[in-house]
Amino acid sequence: MAEWLEHTVQVEVEYPIDQVWDLWSSLELMPNWMKWIESVKIPVDNPEISNWELGTSGLSFTWRSRILKQITNQLIQWESIDGLPNRGAIRFYRRPTGTIIKLTVAYALPSIVKQVLDGLSIPKVVESTLQADLERFRTYMDNHAKVS
């Protein structure tokens, strides 16, 4: 039996929502700011499916993911369809001085693995890594945003 762990992190960036959306929705760029994501590939014939590879501490995981819902400048929601079980959503909120990005990621672990990981504070490591990923995204925006 597997247990689902879920993490939610957010950051505010000082860029208009359309610029933030354009960069984040280019999924193949994610390895530039997501520490554990090694590659994202999207088949030309089916842009709702993406192939992911995650690597950390010598471990490697792969999965295929499907976009469940996408609303421009608001939401990208996904779930894995094979490989590492995961699901989540990235939400974008317009603010007068920029955009809030809120990332929720959930993944399934076998119960025995979860018990071992709980003792090692791995969930805290995952959450702090995701938060750092959003901070790296902010830096990436600073270096790659189009000047309006």
Protein backbone atom coordinates (compact mmCIF):
# COMPACT_ATOMS: atom_id res chain seq x y z
CA MET A 1 0.00 0.00 0.00
CA ALA A 2 1.31 3.46 -0.89
CA GLU A 3 0.93 6.70 1.00
CA TRP A 4 0.75 10.08 -0.69
CA LEU A 5 2.91 12.94 0.54
CA GLU A 6 2.06 16.48 -0.50
CA HIS A 7 4.03 19.72 -0.38
CA THR A 8 2.97 23.28 -1.21
CA VAL A 9 5.38 26.19 -1.61
CA GLN A 10 5.05 29.66 -3.08
CA VAL A 11 7.04 32.68 -4.11
CA GLU A 12 6.26 36.14 -5.42
CA VAL A 13 8.13 37.43 -8.46
CA GLU A 14 8.16 41.02 -9.68
CA TYR A 15 7.06 40.24 -13.23
CA PRO A 16 3.70 40.39 -14.99
CA ILE A 17 1.72 37.16 -14.97
CA ASP A 18 1.92 36.71 -18.75
CA GLN A 19 5.75 36.71 -18.65
CA VAL A 20 5.81 34.31 -15.70
CA TRP A 21 3.31 32.04 -17.46
CA ASP A 22 5.25 32.04 -20.72
CA LEU A 23 8.43 30.91 -19.01
CA TRP A 24 6.93 28.37 -16.61
CA SER A 25 4.63 26.78 -19.20
CA SER A 26 7.70 25.98 -21.32
CA LEU A 27 8.09 22.71 -19.42
CA GLU A 28 11.28 21.67 -21.20
CA LEU A 29 13.06 24.62 -19.51
CA MET A 30 12.32 23.34 -15.98
CA PRO A 31 15.73 21.70 -15.44
CA ASN A 32 17.09 25.28 -15.40
CA TRP A 33 15.46 25.96 -12.04
CA MET A 34 14.22 22.60 -10.67
CA LYS A 35 17.24 21.05 -8.93
CA TRP A 36 16.20 17.41 -9.19
CA ILE A 37 14.64 17.55 -12.69
CA GLU A 38 17.21 16.37 -15.21
CA SER A 39 15.03 16.52 -18.32
CA VAL A 40 11.52 17.15 -19.61
CA LYS A 41 10.66 16.10 -23.15
CA ILE A 42 7.38 16.74 -24.92
CA PRO A 43 6.44 14.62 -27.94
CA VAL A 44 5.66 16.73 -31.00
CA ASP A 45 2.53 14.70 -31.74
CA ASN A 46 1.02 15.00 -28.23
CA PRO A 47 1.82 18.22 -26.28
CA GLU A 48 -0.40 17.18 -23.34
CA ILE A 49 2.03 14.36 -22.50
CA SER A 50 5.54 14.94 -21.16
CA ASN A 51 8.40 12.58 -20.30
CA TRP A 52 10.26 13.41 -17.09
CA GLU A 53 13.53 12.34 -15.53
CA LEU A 54 14.40 13.13 -11.93
CA GLY A 55 17.76 12.45 -10.34
CA THR A 56 19.10 13.01 -6.84
CA SER A 57 21.79 11.40 -4.68
CA GLY A 58 22.51 8.75 -7.29
CA LEU A 59 18.83 7.79 -7.64
CA SER A 60 16.98 8.22 -10.90
CA PHE A 61 13.24 8.17 -11.55
CA THR A 62 11.25 8.56 -14.75
CA TRP A 63 7.58 9.04 -15.51
CA ARG A 64 5.17 10.23 -18.14
CA SER A 65 2.77 12.96 -17.17
CA ARG A 66 -0.49 14.24 -18.61
CA ILE A 67 -1.83 17.78 -18.35
CA LEU A 68 -5.28 17.48 -16.78
CA LYS A 69 -6.20 21.13 -16.85
CA GLN A 70 -4.52 24.22 -18.21
CA ILE A 71 -5.88 27.74 -17.93
CA THR A 72 -3.58 30.38 -19.41
CA ASN A 73 -2.07 32.67 -16.76
CA GLN A 74 -3.81 30.71 -13.98
CA LEU A 75 -3.21 26.97 -13.70
CA ILE A 76 -1.38 23.90 -14.94
CA GLN A 77 -2.57 20.68 -13.29
CA TRP A 78 -1.00 17.28 -14.00
CA GLU A 79 -0.80 13.64 -13.02
CA SER A 80 1.62 10.88 -13.91
CA ILE A 81 0.31 8.16 -16.19
CA ASP A 82 3.20 5.75 -15.63
CA GLY A 83 6.47 5.57 -13.73
CA LEU A 84 6.87 7.53 -10.50
CA PRO A 85 3.33 8.19 -9.16
CA ASN A 86 2.84 11.94 -8.76
CA ARG A 87 0.38 14.75 -9.33
CA GLY A 88 0.16 18.43 -8.67
CA ALA A 89 -0.63 21.92 -9.81
CA ILE A 90 1.10 25.20 -10.38
CA ARG A 91 -1.08 28.27 -9.84
CA PHE A 92 -0.43 31.86 -10.80
CA TYR A 93 -1.98 34.85 -9.03
CA ARG A 94 -1.79 38.37 -10.44
CA ARG A 95 -0.62 41.00 -7.95
CA PRO A 96 -0.15 44.76 -8.44
CA THR A 97 3.64 44.39 -8.24
CA GLY A 98 4.05 40.98 -9.86
CA THR A 99 2.85 37.40 -9.65
CA ILE A 100 2.51 34.83 -6.91
CA ILE A 101 3.49 31.31 -7.97
CA LYS A 102 2.08 28.49 -5.85
CA LEU A 103 3.34 24.95 -6.48
CA THR A 104 1.71 21.84 -5.03
CA VAL A 105 3.39 18.48 -5.63
CA ALA A 106 2.18 15.10 -4.35
CA TYR A 107 3.85 11.73 -4.79
CA ALA A 108 3.14 8.18 -3.66
CA LEU A 109 5.56 6.17 -1.56
CA PRO A 110 5.14 2.60 -0.38
CA SER A 111 4.24 2.69 3.33
CA ILE A 112 7.47 1.02 4.41
CA VAL A 113 9.56 3.56 2.46
CA LYS A 114 7.57 6.43 3.97
CA GLN A 115 8.28 5.13 7.49
CA VAL A 116 12.01 5.09 6.80
CA LEU A 117 11.93 8.53 5.18
CA ASP A 118 9.91 10.08 8.02
CA GLY A 119 12.72 9.16 10.39
CA LEU A 120 15.19 10.94 8.11
CA SER A 121 13.15 14.14 7.70
CA ILE A 122 13.09 13.60 3.93
CA PRO A 123 9.70 15.35 3.58
CA LYS A 124 11.31 18.53 4.98
CA VAL A 125 14.18 18.16 2.52
CA VAL A 126 11.74 17.81 -0.38
CA GLU A 127 9.78 20.88 0.71
CA SER A 128 12.90 23.02 1.21
CA THR A 129 14.19 21.89 -2.20
CA LEU A 130 10.90 22.86 -3.86
CA GLN A 131 11.03 26.26 -2.15
CA ALA A 132 14.60 26.73 -3.36
CA ASP A 133 13.43 25.74 -6.86
CA LEU A 134 10.94 28.61 -6.81
CA GLU A 135 13.69 30.96 -5.66
CA ARG A 136 15.85 29.72 -8.56
CA PHE A 137 12.91 30.38 -10.88
CA ARG A 138 12.82 33.99 -9.63
CA THR A 139 16.55 34.31 -10.42
CA TYR A 140 16.01 32.67 -13.80
CA MET A 141 13.26 35.24 -14.50
CA ASP A 142 15.65 38.03 -13.52
CA ASN A 143 18.16 36.75 -16.07
CA HIS A 144 15.77 35.81 -18.91
CA ALA A 145 12.67 38.01 -18.68
CA LYS A 146 11.79 40.11 -21.71
CA VAL A 147 11.97 43.81 -21.03
CA SER A 148 8.52 45.32 -21.59
